[in-house]
PDB file of N, CA and C in Angstrom:
ATOM      1  N   MET A   1       0.806  -0.995  -0.040  1.00  0.00           N
ATOM      2  CA  MET A   1      -0.207   0.441   0.119  1.00  0.00           C
ATOM      3  C   MET A   1       0.695   1.221   0.140  1.00  0.00           C
ATOM      4  N   SER A   2       0.813   1.375  -1.272  1.00  0.00           N
ATOM      5  CA  SER A   2       1.494   2.535  -1.751  1.00  0.00           C
ATOM      6  C   SER A   2       1.512   4.071  -0.844  1.00  0.00           C
ATOM      7  N   ASP A   3      -0.107   4.326  -0.928  1.00  0.00           N
ATOM      8  CA  ASP A   3      -0.329   5.467  -0.304  1.00  0.00           C
ATOM      9  C   ASP A   3       0.166   5.548   1.508  1.00  0.00           C
ATOM     10  N   LEU A   4       1.270   5.278   2.396  1.00  0.00           N
ATOM     11  CA  LEU A   4       0.922   5.279   3.595  1.00  0.00           C
ATOM     12  C   LEU A   4       2.707   6.552   3.410  1.00  0.00           C
ATOM     13  N   ASN A   5       2.712   7.084   4.331  1.00  0.00           N
ATOM     14  CA  ASN A   5       3.573   8.333   4.757  1.00  0.00           C
ATOM     15  C   ASN A   5       4.118   7.371   5.768  1.00  0.00           C
ATOM     16  N   GLN A   6       5.645   8.039   5.339  1.00  0.00           N
ATOM     17  CA  GLN A   6       6.464   7.874   6.131  1.00  0.00           C
ATOM     18  C   GLN A   6       6.090   7.751   8.101  1.00  0.00           C
ATOM     19  N   VAL A   7       4.896   8.456   8.769  1.00  0.00           N
ATOM     20  CA  VAL A   7       4.709   8.512  10.627  1.00  0.00           C
ATOM     21  C   VAL A   7       3.859   7.023   9.800  1.00  0.00           C
ATOM     22  N   GLU A   8       3.064   7.157   9.205  1.00  0.00           N
ATOM     23  CA  GLU A   8       2.063   5.823   9.519  1.00  0.00           C
ATOM     24  C   GLU A   8       2.660   4.535   9.152  1.00  0.00           C
ATOM     25  N   ILE A   9       3.864   4.227   8.337  1.00  0.00           N
ATOM     26  CA  ILE A   9       4.707   3.086   8.797  1.00  0.00           C
ATOM     27  C   ILE A   9       5.188   2.994   9.692  1.00  0.00           C
ATOM     28  N   ASN A  10       5.288   4.215  10.219  1.00  0.00           N
ATOM     29  CA  ASN A  10       6.421   4.036  12.072  1.00  0.00           C
ATOM     30  C   ASN A  10       5.379   3.395  12.609  1.00  0.00           C
ATOM     31  N   ALA A  11       4.582   3.930  12.303  1.00  0.00           N
ATOM     32  CA  ALA A  11       3.321   4.048  13.614  1.00  0.00           C
ATOM     33  C   ALA A  11       3.202   1.607  13.713  1.00  0.00           C
ATOM     34  N   ILE A  12       3.093   1.574  12.323  1.00  0.00           N
ATOM     35  CA  ILE A  12       2.592   0.520  12.336  1.00  0.00           C
ATOM     36  C   ILE A  12       3.809  -0.860  12.398  1.00  0.00           C
ATOM     37  N   ARG A  13       5.257  -0.058  11.647  1.00  0.00           N
ATOM     38  CA  ARG A  13       6.354  -0.895  12.715  1.00  0.00           C
ATOM     39  C   ARG A  13       6.016  -0.804  14.007  1.00  0.00           C
ATOM     40  N   GLU A  14       5.563  -0.042  15.014  1.00  0.00           N
ATOM     41  CA  GLU A  14       5.200  -0.134  15.597  1.00  0.00           C
ATOM     42  C   GLU A  14       4.237  -0.935  16.712  1.00  0.00           C
ATOM     43  N   CYS A  15       3.101  -0.844  15.823  1.00  0.00           N
ATOM     44  CA  CYS A  15       1.993  -2.100  16.073  1.00  0.00           C
ATOM     45  C   CYS A  15       2.748  -3.067  16.052  1.00  0.00           C
ATOM     46  N   VAL A  16       3.467  -3.623  15.222  1.00  0.00           N
ATOM     47  CA  VAL A  16       4.366  -5.157  14.464  1.00  0.00           C
ATOM     48  C   VAL A  16       4.793  -5.024  15.878  1.00  0.00           C
ATOM     49  N   SER A  17       5.246  -4.707  16.071  1.00  0.00           N
ATOM     50  CA  SER A  17       6.252  -4.972  17.342  1.00  0.00           C
ATOM     51  C   SER A  17       5.724  -5.650  18.424  1.00  0.00           C
ATOM     52  N   GLY A  18       5.028  -4.601  18.575  1.00  0.00           N
ATOM     53  CA  GLY A  18       4.203  -5.175  20.369  1.00  0.00           C
ATOM     54  C   GLY A  18       3.211  -5.835  19.935  1.00  0.00           C
ATOM     55  N   PHE A  19       2.592  -6.292  18.623  1.00  0.00           N
ATOM     56  CA  PHE A  19       2.359  -7.848  18.690  1.00  0.00           C
ATOM     57  C   PHE A  19       2.796  -8.699  18.714  1.00  0.00           C
ATOM     58  N   ILE A  20       4.336  -8.867  17.841  1.00  0.00           N
ATOM     59  CA  ILE A  20       4.782  -9.336  18.333  1.00  0.00           C
ATOM     60  C   ILE A  20       5.738 -10.115  19.406  1.00  0.00           C
ATOM     61  N   THR A  21       5.568  -9.066  20.464  1.00  0.00           N
ATOM     62  CA  THR A  21       6.905  -8.737  21.706  1.00  0.00           C
ATOM     63  C   THR A  21       5.135  -9.885  22.485  1.00  0.00           C
ATOM     64  N   ASN A  22       4.237  -9.442  22.718  1.00  0.00           N
ATOM     65  CA  ASN A  22       2.849 -10.358  23.325  1.00  0.00           C
ATOM     66  C   ASN A  22       3.137 -11.110  22.880  1.00  0.00           C
ATOM     67  N   SER A  23       2.618 -11.199  22.076  1.00  0.00           N
ATOM     68  CA  SER A  23       3.044 -12.806  21.149  1.00  0.00           C
ATOM     69  C   SER A  23       3.739 -14.407  22.005  1.00  0.00           C
ATOM     70  N   SER A  24       4.743 -13.436  21.917  1.00  0.00           N
ATOM     71  CA  SER A  24       6.318 -13.965  22.777  1.00  0.00           C
ATOM     72  C   SER A  24       5.951 -14.117  24.255  1.00  0.00           C
ATOM     73  N   LYS A  25       5.434 -13.396  25.145  1.00  0.00           N
ATOM     74  CA  LYS A  25       5.756 -13.430  26.331  1.00  0.00           C
ATOM     75  C   LYS A  25       4.169 -14.415  26.011  1.00  0.00           C
ATOM     76  N   LEU A  26       2.938 -14.216  25.244  1.00  0.00           N
ATOM     77  CA  LEU A  26       2.236 -15.163  25.957  1.00  0.00           C
ATOM     78  C   LEU A  26       2.461 -17.008  25.724  1.00  0.00           C
ATOM     79  N   SER A  27       3.000 -16.707  24.630  1.00  0.00           N
ATOM     80  CA  SER A  27       3.532 -18.356  24.353  1.00  0.00           C
ATOM     81  C   SER A  27       4.358 -18.665  25.186  1.00  0.00           C
ATOM     82  N   SER A  28       5.109 -17.573  26.251  1.00  0.00           N
ATOM     83  CA  SER A  28       5.912 -18.155  27.103  1.00  0.00           C
ATOM     84  C   SER A  28       5.316 -18.857  28.339  1.00  0.00           C
ATOM     85  N   TYR A  29       4.320 -18.210  28.581  1.00  0.00           N
ATOM     86  CA  TYR A  29       3.179 -18.316  30.113  1.00  0.00           C
ATOM     87  C   TYR A  29       2.427 -19.262  29.877  1.00  0.00           C
ATOM     88  N   SER A  30       2.225 -19.160  27.962  1.00  0.00           N
ATOM     89  CA  SER A  30       1.454 -20.484  27.592  1.00  0.00           C
ATOM     90  C   SER A  30       2.466 -21.923  28.684  1.00  0.00           C
ATOM     91  N   ASN A  31       3.791 -21.803  28.324  1.00  0.00           N
ATOM     92  CA  ASN A  31       4.372 -23.347  28.009  1.00  0.00           C
ATOM     93  C   ASN A  31       4.764 -22.957  30.053  1.00  0.00           C
ATOM     94  N   LYS A  32       4.668 -22.586  31.048  1.00  0.00           N
ATOM     95  CA  LYS A  32       4.827 -22.138  31.876  1.00  0.00           C
ATOM     96  C   LYS A  32       4.038 -22.602  33.017  1.00  0.00           C
ATOM     97  N   VAL A  33       2.511 -22.437  31.898  1.00  0.00           N
ATOM     98  CA  VAL A  33       1.586 -22.683  33.003  1.00  0.00           C
ATOM     99  C   VAL A  33       0.915 -24.108  33.188  1.00  0.00           C
ATOM    100  N   ASN A  34       0.117 -24.766  34.342  1.00  0.00           N
ATOM    101  CA  ASN A  34      -0.097 -25.998  34.515  1.00  0.00           C
ATOM    102  C   ASN A  34      -1.150 -26.194  33.598  1.00  0.00           C
ATOM    103  N   GLU A  35      -2.183 -25.201  34.123  1.00  0.00           N
ATOM    104  CA  GLU A  35      -3.840 -25.625  33.934  1.00  0.00           C
ATOM    105  C   GLU A  35      -4.523 -25.667  32.939  1.00  0.00           C
ATOM    106  N   PRO A  36      -4.946 -26.553  32.314  1.00  0.00           N
ATOM    107  CA  PRO A  36      -4.967 -26.826  30.278  1.00  0.00           C
ATOM    108  C   PRO A  36      -6.449 -25.511  30.204  1.00  0.00           C
ATOM    109  N   GLU A  37      -7.098 -24.858  30.401  1.00  0.00           N
ATOM    110  CA  GLU A  37      -7.780 -24.233  30.123  1.00  0.00           C
ATOM    111  C   GLU A  37      -7.081 -22.830  30.181  1.00  0.00           C
ATOM    112  N   LEU A  38      -6.065 -22.503  30.573  1.00  0.00           N
ATOM    113  CA  LEU A  38      -5.136 -21.172  31.163  1.00  0.00           C
ATOM    114  C   LEU A  38      -3.901 -21.217  30.445  1.00  0.00           C
ATOM    115  N   LYS A  39      -3.519 -22.445  30.065  1.00  0.00           N
ATOM    116  CA  LYS A  39      -2.604 -22.809  28.390  1.00  0.00           C
ATOM    117  C   LYS A  39      -2.911 -22.664  27.151  1.00  0.00           C
ATOM    118  N   GLU A  40      -4.196 -23.123  26.820  1.00  0.00           N
ATOM    119  CA  GLU A  40      -5.058 -22.843  25.397  1.00  0.00           C
ATOM    120  C   GLU A  40      -5.524 -21.486  25.450  1.00  0.00           C
ATOM    121  N   MET A  41      -5.903 -21.286  26.374  1.00  0.00           N
ATOM    122  CA  MET A  41      -6.268 -19.916  26.492  1.00  0.00           C
ATOM    123  C   MET A  41      -4.855 -18.678  26.090  1.00  0.00           C
ATOM    124  N   PHE A  42      -3.825 -19.337  26.964  1.00  0.00           N
ATOM    125  CA  PHE A  42      -2.484 -18.294  26.408  1.00  0.00           C
ATOM    126  C   PHE A  42      -2.018 -18.451  24.872  1.00  0.00           C
ATOM    127  N   LYS A  43      -2.426 -19.603  24.586  1.00  0.00           N
ATOM    128  CA  LYS A  43      -1.505 -20.394  23.447  1.00  0.00           C
ATOM    129  C   LYS A  43      -2.761 -19.311  21.736  1.00  0.00           C
ATOM    130  N   ASN A  44      -4.047 -19.661  22.478  1.00  0.00           N
ATOM    131  CA  ASN A  44      -4.798 -19.101  21.413  1.00  0.00           C
ATOM    132  C   ASN A  44      -4.111 -17.520  21.316  1.00  0.00           C
ATOM    133  N   ALA A  45      -4.620 -16.930  22.361  1.00  0.00           N
ATOM    134  CA  ALA A  45      -4.102 -15.150  22.455  1.00  0.00           C
ATOM    135  C   ALA A  45      -2.570 -15.057  21.726  1.00  0.00           C
ATOM    136  N   SER A  46      -1.299 -15.834  21.538  1.00  0.00           N
ATOM    137  CA  SER A  46      -0.567 -16.050  21.487  1.00  0.00           C
ATOM    138  C   SER A  46      -0.452 -15.742  19.842  1.00  0.00           C
ATOM    139  N   PHE A  47      -1.017 -16.811  19.445  1.00  0.00           N
ATOM    140  CA  PHE A  47      -1.503 -17.099  17.419  1.00  0.00           C
ATOM    141  C   PHE A  47      -2.570 -16.137  17.776  1.00  0.00           C
ATOM    142  N   LYS A  48      -3.127 -15.471  18.137  1.00  0.00           N
ATOM    143  CA  LYS A  48      -4.114 -13.755  17.242  1.00  0.00           C
ATOM    144  C   LYS A  48      -3.058 -12.665  17.193  1.00  0.00           C
ATOM    145  N   ALA A  49      -2.128 -12.215  18.114  1.00  0.00           N
ATOM    146  CA  ALA A  49      -0.980 -11.768  18.132  1.00  0.00           C
ATOM    147  C   ALA A  49      -0.515 -11.900  16.787  1.00  0.00           C
ATOM    148  N   GLU A  50       0.222 -12.796  16.882  1.00  0.00           N
ATOM    149  CA  GLU A  50       0.621 -13.455  15.657  1.00  0.00           C
ATOM    150  C   GLU A  50       0.353 -13.281  14.481  1.00  0.00           C
ATOM    151  N   GLN A  51      -0.728 -13.561  13.965  1.00  0.00           N
ATOM    152  CA  GLN A  51      -1.901 -13.040  12.833  1.00  0.00           C
ATOM    153  C   GLN A  51      -2.076 -11.780  12.940  1.00  0.00           C
ATOM    154  N   MET A  52      -2.241 -10.812  14.152  1.00  0.00           N
ATOM    155  CA  MET A  52      -2.769  -9.204  13.736  1.00  0.00           C
ATOM    156  C   MET A  52      -1.408  -8.939  13.283  1.00  0.00           C
ATOM    157  N   ALA A  53      -0.100  -8.590  14.273  1.00  0.00           N
ATOM    158  CA  ALA A  53       1.780  -8.539  13.127  1.00  0.00           C
ATOM    159  C   ALA A  53       1.792  -9.157  11.512  1.00  0.00           C
ATOM    160  N   GLN A  54       1.102 -10.437  11.572  1.00  0.00           N
ATOM    161  CA  GLN A  54       1.239 -10.875  10.001  1.00  0.00           C
ATOM    162  C   GLN A  54       0.540  -9.296   9.066  1.00  0.00           C
ATOM    163  N   LYS A  55      -0.757  -9.282   9.489  1.00  0.00           N
ATOM    164  CA  LYS A  55      -1.651  -8.418   8.835  1.00  0.00           C
ATOM    165  C   LYS A  55      -1.329  -6.889   8.718  1.00  0.00           C
ATOM    166  N   LEU A  56      -0.533  -7.019   9.597  1.00  0.00           N
ATOM    167  CA  LEU A  56       0.306  -5.255   9.469  1.00  0.00           C
ATOM    168  C   LEU A  56       0.698  -5.771   8.919  1.00  0.00           C
ATOM    169  N   ILE A  57       2.002  -6.352   8.972  1.00  0.00           N
ATOM    170  CA  ILE A  57       3.271  -6.491   7.898  1.00  0.00           C
ATOM    171  C   ILE A  57       2.835  -6.284   6.137  1.00  0.00           C
ATOM    172  N   GLN A  58       1.651  -7.076   6.135  1.00  0.00           N
ATOM    173  CA  GLN A  58       0.980  -6.927   4.674  1.00  0.00           C
ATOM    174  C   GLN A  58       0.534  -5.381   4.167  1.00  0.00           C
ATOM    175  N   LEU A  59       0.241  -4.614   5.192  1.00  0.00           N
ATOM    176  CA  LEU A  59       0.319  -3.369   5.185  1.00  0.00           C
ATOM    177  C   LEU A  59       1.221  -2.007   4.247  1.00  0.00           C
ATOM    178  N   LEU A  60       2.610  -3.119   4.860  1.00  0.00           N
ATOM    179  CA  LEU A  60       3.910  -2.446   4.352  1.00  0.00           C
ATOM    180  C   LEU A  60       4.586  -2.543   3.088  1.00  0.00           C
TER     181      LEU A  60
END
């Protein structure tokens, strides 16, 4: 999408970075927790954060 200006591109990059960080943290939490429901919740949240990062990357 070439209509984005540099400020918008930088904002998207910051969001991508945040989603990747959140995905990593949630995945780590999933690996540490023993309760199956919480483990699944963290895995799903991690996956969704990674998906959002990928969608934003497509805008760049």
